Protein backbone atom coordinates (compact mmCIF):
# COMPACT_ATOMS: atom_id res chain seq x y z
CA UNK A 1 21.01 27.53 -0.69
CA UNK A 2 22.46 25.23 2.09
CA UNK A 3 22.23 21.42 1.51
CA UNK A 4 19.77 21.18 4.45
CA UNK A 5 17.31 23.79 3.05
CA UNK A 6 17.61 22.21 -0.46
CA UNK A 7 16.86 18.84 0.90
CA UNK A 8 13.80 20.05 2.84
CA UNK A 9 12.74 22.06 -0.40
CA UNK A 10 13.13 18.91 -2.36
CA UNK A 11 11.20 16.82 0.26
CA UNK A 12 8.19 19.44 0.35
CA UNK A 13 8.03 19.59 -3.49
CA UNK A 14 7.99 15.87 -3.90
CA UNK A 15 5.40 15.54 -0.90
CA UNK A 16 3.05 18.21 -2.46
CA UNK A 17 3.15 16.38 -5.80
CA UNK A 18 2.59 13.19 -4.09
CA UNK A 19 5.77 11.58 -5.41
CA UNK A 20 8.27 9.31 -3.57
CA UNK A 21 11.44 11.06 -2.67
CA UNK A 22 14.42 10.41 -4.96
CA UNK A 23 16.57 7.62 -3.44
CA UNK A 24 19.38 9.96 -2.41
CA UNK A 25 16.81 12.01 -0.26
CA UNK A 26 15.16 9.15 1.36
CA UNK A 27 15.81 8.53 5.08
CA UNK A 28 16.45 4.81 5.43
CA UNK A 29 17.54 2.87 8.44
CA UNK A 30 20.98 1.46 8.02
CA UNK A 31 20.87 -2.38 7.09
CA UNK A 32 20.19 -4.23 10.14
CA UNK A 33 18.32 -7.46 11.03
CA UNK A 34 16.48 -5.46 13.61
CA UNK A 35 14.84 -3.46 10.67
CA UNK A 36 13.05 -6.50 9.61
CA UNK A 37 11.29 -7.10 12.89
CA UNK A 38 7.53 -6.76 12.78
CA UNK A 39 7.31 -5.61 9.19
CA UNK A 40 5.25 -7.02 6.34
CA UNK A 41 6.60 -8.15 2.76
CA UNK A 42 5.86 -4.71 1.20
CA UNK A 43 7.86 -3.15 3.66
CA UNK A 44 10.59 -5.73 3.31
CA UNK A 45 10.68 -5.04 -0.40
CA UNK A 46 11.02 -1.45 0.13
CA UNK A 47 13.96 -2.02 2.48
CA UNK A 48 15.55 -4.63 0.04
CA UNK A 49 15.21 -1.92 -2.88
CA UNK A 50 16.75 0.82 -0.58
CA UNK A 51 19.62 -1.25 0.76
CA UNK A 52 20.55 -2.50 -2.74
CA UNK A 53 23.96 -4.34 -2.55
CA UNK A 54 24.66 -3.69 1.10
CA UNK A 55 22.50 -6.70 1.87
CA UNK A 56 21.93 -9.68 -0.38
CA UNK A 57 18.34 -10.08 -1.03
CA UNK A 58 15.97 -12.04 -3.39
CA UNK A 59 12.38 -12.63 -3.82
CA UNK A 60 10.97 -16.12 -4.47
CA UNK A 61 7.18 -17.07 -4.84
CA UNK A 62 7.26 -17.87 -1.00
CA UNK A 63 9.19 -14.85 0.50
CA UNK A 64 11.77 -12.41 0.56
CA UNK A 65 15.19 -13.63 1.61
CA UNK A 66 17.98 -11.50 3.25
CA UNK A 67 21.73 -12.44 3.93
CA UNK A 68 23.48 -9.73 5.86
CA UNK A 69 27.41 -9.32 5.68
CA UNK A 70 27.86 -11.27 8.91
CA UNK A 71 26.07 -14.20 7.53
CA UNK A 72 22.74 -13.60 9.49
CA UNK A 73 19.65 -14.72 7.31
CA UNK A 74 16.10 -13.79 7.45
CA UNK A 75 12.87 -14.60 5.45
CA UNK A 76 9.82 -12.55 5.27
CA UNK A 77 6.91 -14.64 4.22
CA UNK A 78 4.77 -13.19 1.23
CA UNK A 79 1.12 -12.61 2.00
CA UNK A 80 -0.77 -15.92 1.66
CA UNK A 81 -2.79 -15.23 -1.77
CA UNK A 82 0.09 -13.08 -3.29
CA UNK A 83 3.41 -13.21 -5.18
CA UNK A 84 5.69 -10.40 -6.19
CA UNK A 85 6.95 -10.38 -9.79
CA UNK A 86 9.52 -7.93 -10.74
CA UNK A 87 9.58 -6.79 -14.45
CA UNK A 88 12.35 -5.04 -16.16
CA UNK A 89 11.11 -3.90 -19.49
CA UNK A 90 13.76 -3.09 -22.11
CA UNK A 91 14.69 -1.68 -25.42
CA UNK A 92 18.14 -2.70 -26.00
CA UNK A 93 19.79 -4.71 -23.22
CA UNK A 94 18.63 -7.19 -20.61
CA UNK A 95 20.11 -10.03 -18.54
CA UNK A 96 18.68 -13.59 -17.93
CA UNK A 97 16.97 -14.13 -14.73
CA UNK A 98 14.47 -16.19 -13.01
CA UNK A 99 14.59 -15.20 -9.35
CA UNK A 100 14.60 -11.36 -8.77
CA UNK A 101 17.79 -10.33 -6.73
CA UNK A 102 17.03 -6.91 -5.41
CA UNK A 103 20.89 -6.57 -4.55
CA UNK A 104 22.11 -7.29 -7.98
CA UNK A 105 19.53 -7.24 -10.70
CA UNK A 106 19.77 -3.92 -12.93
CA UNK A 107 17.28 -3.30 -15.80
CA UNK A 108 17.91 -0.92 -18.68
CA UNK A 109 15.28 1.69 -18.14
CA UNK A 110 15.34 3.64 -15.01
CA UNK A 111 12.62 6.10 -13.97
CA UNK A 112 10.72 5.54 -17.11
CA UNK A 113 6.70 5.69 -16.90
CA UNK A 114 5.26 2.38 -18.19
CA UNK A 115 1.58 1.71 -18.66
CA UNK A 116 0.76 -1.63 -16.97
CA UNK A 117 -2.16 -3.80 -17.84
CA UNK A 118 -2.43 -7.35 -16.17
CA UNK A 119 -5.37 -9.59 -16.98
CA UNK A 120 -6.29 -13.03 -16.05
CA UNK A 121 -7.06 -15.70 -18.91
CA UNK A 122 -11.03 -14.71 -18.46
CA UNK A 123 -10.11 -10.99 -18.99
CA UNK A 124 -10.42 -9.85 -15.37
CA UNK A 125 -8.34 -6.64 -14.83
CA UNK A 126 -5.96 -6.97 -12.11
CA UNK A 127 -3.63 -3.89 -12.70
CA UNK A 128 -4.17 -1.03 -15.00
CA UNK A 129 -2.06 1.82 -13.95
CA UNK A 130 1.11 3.76 -14.87
CA UNK A 131 4.02 3.01 -12.85
CA UNK A 132 7.58 4.38 -12.95
CA UNK A 133 10.35 1.94 -13.17
CA UNK A 134 12.52 1.91 -9.91
CA UNK A 135 16.42 3.01 -9.76
CA UNK A 136 16.94 -0.63 -10.51
CA UNK A 137 14.77 -0.52 -13.80
CA UNK A 138 12.09 -2.78 -12.38
CA UNK A 139 8.38 -2.51 -11.78
CA UNK A 140 7.14 -4.55 -8.85
CA UNK A 141 3.75 -6.50 -9.38
CA UNK A 142 1.70 -7.75 -6.47
CA UNK A 143 -0.39 -10.49 -8.19
CA UNK A 144 -2.75 -13.07 -6.92
CA UNK A 145 -1.30 -16.45 -6.49
CA UNK A 146 -1.73 -19.51 -9.00
CA UNK A 147 -2.75 -17.55 -11.92
CA UNK A 148 -1.76 -17.16 -15.67
CA UNK A 149 -1.51 -13.38 -16.03
CA UNK A 150 -1.39 -11.68 -19.53
CA UNK A 151 0.92 -8.69 -18.90
CA UNK A 152 0.98 -5.75 -21.43
CA UNK A 153 3.48 -3.04 -20.90
CA UNK A 154 3.58 0.29 -22.88
CA UNK A 155 6.23 2.96 -22.75
CA UNK A 156 6.31 5.94 -25.29
CA UNK A 157 4.98 4.35 -28.32
CA UNK A 158 6.55 0.92 -27.89
CA UNK A 159 4.84 -2.18 -26.26
CA UNK A 160 5.51 -5.80 -25.07
CA UNK A 161 3.20 -8.49 -24.09
CA UNK A 162 3.92 -11.78 -22.22
CA UNK A 163 1.95 -14.50 -20.22
CA UNK A 164 3.23 -14.93 -16.61
CA UNK A 165 2.61 -17.59 -14.10
CA UNK A 166 2.12 -16.94 -10.37
CA UNK A 167 2.34 -20.46 -9.37
CA UNK A 168 4.52 -21.69 -6.61
CA UNK A 169 8.16 -21.77 -8.18
CA UNK A 170 7.41 -19.47 -11.16
CA UNK A 171 9.69 -16.73 -11.94
CA UNK A 172 9.83 -13.58 -9.90
CA UNK A 173 12.27 -11.78 -12.16
CA UNK A 174 10.95 -11.10 -15.79
CA UNK A 175 13.50 -9.76 -18.03
CA UNK A 176 12.25 -10.83 -21.37
CA UNK A 177 9.82 -7.99 -22.08
CA UNK A 178 11.35 -6.11 -25.08
CA UNK A 179 9.39 -2.85 -25.95
CA UNK A 180 9.00 -2.84 -29.66
């Protein structure tokens, strides 16, 4: 089977199953400041994840910062009432981090289904779904701003729990949730 036929079959199979294409099969525009024009924060995160180390990128509680190889800088603001928290559950190895850098942060568990439960202090459920860790080992959680959130993660028969803040200046990179 030719490479093109294989790629088309793979794309069709993933499409029918409702799954995202594997990173090597996704068609991504080459890293360029123009690619950041007229896009929202979620689209900017997808580009940052796809570009990896080709463009320096990080997310703070205010926005997604890009620095291109030629020095050009661009900030894409987060939606007014939301923050993004990237969480890398782990079993054996982690790294210290407070600000998620999409161009260099790498978690231990790649492509692992994780049950995610996020609740407010009063028990309001914000997220309750199974998410698969990205190629960088993280799951990305879009959460309401200015809350304390109890996050519970389960993978296989292991679990981790931690209280996160979504206040201005809080961590956007959580690498402290060891599955035990």
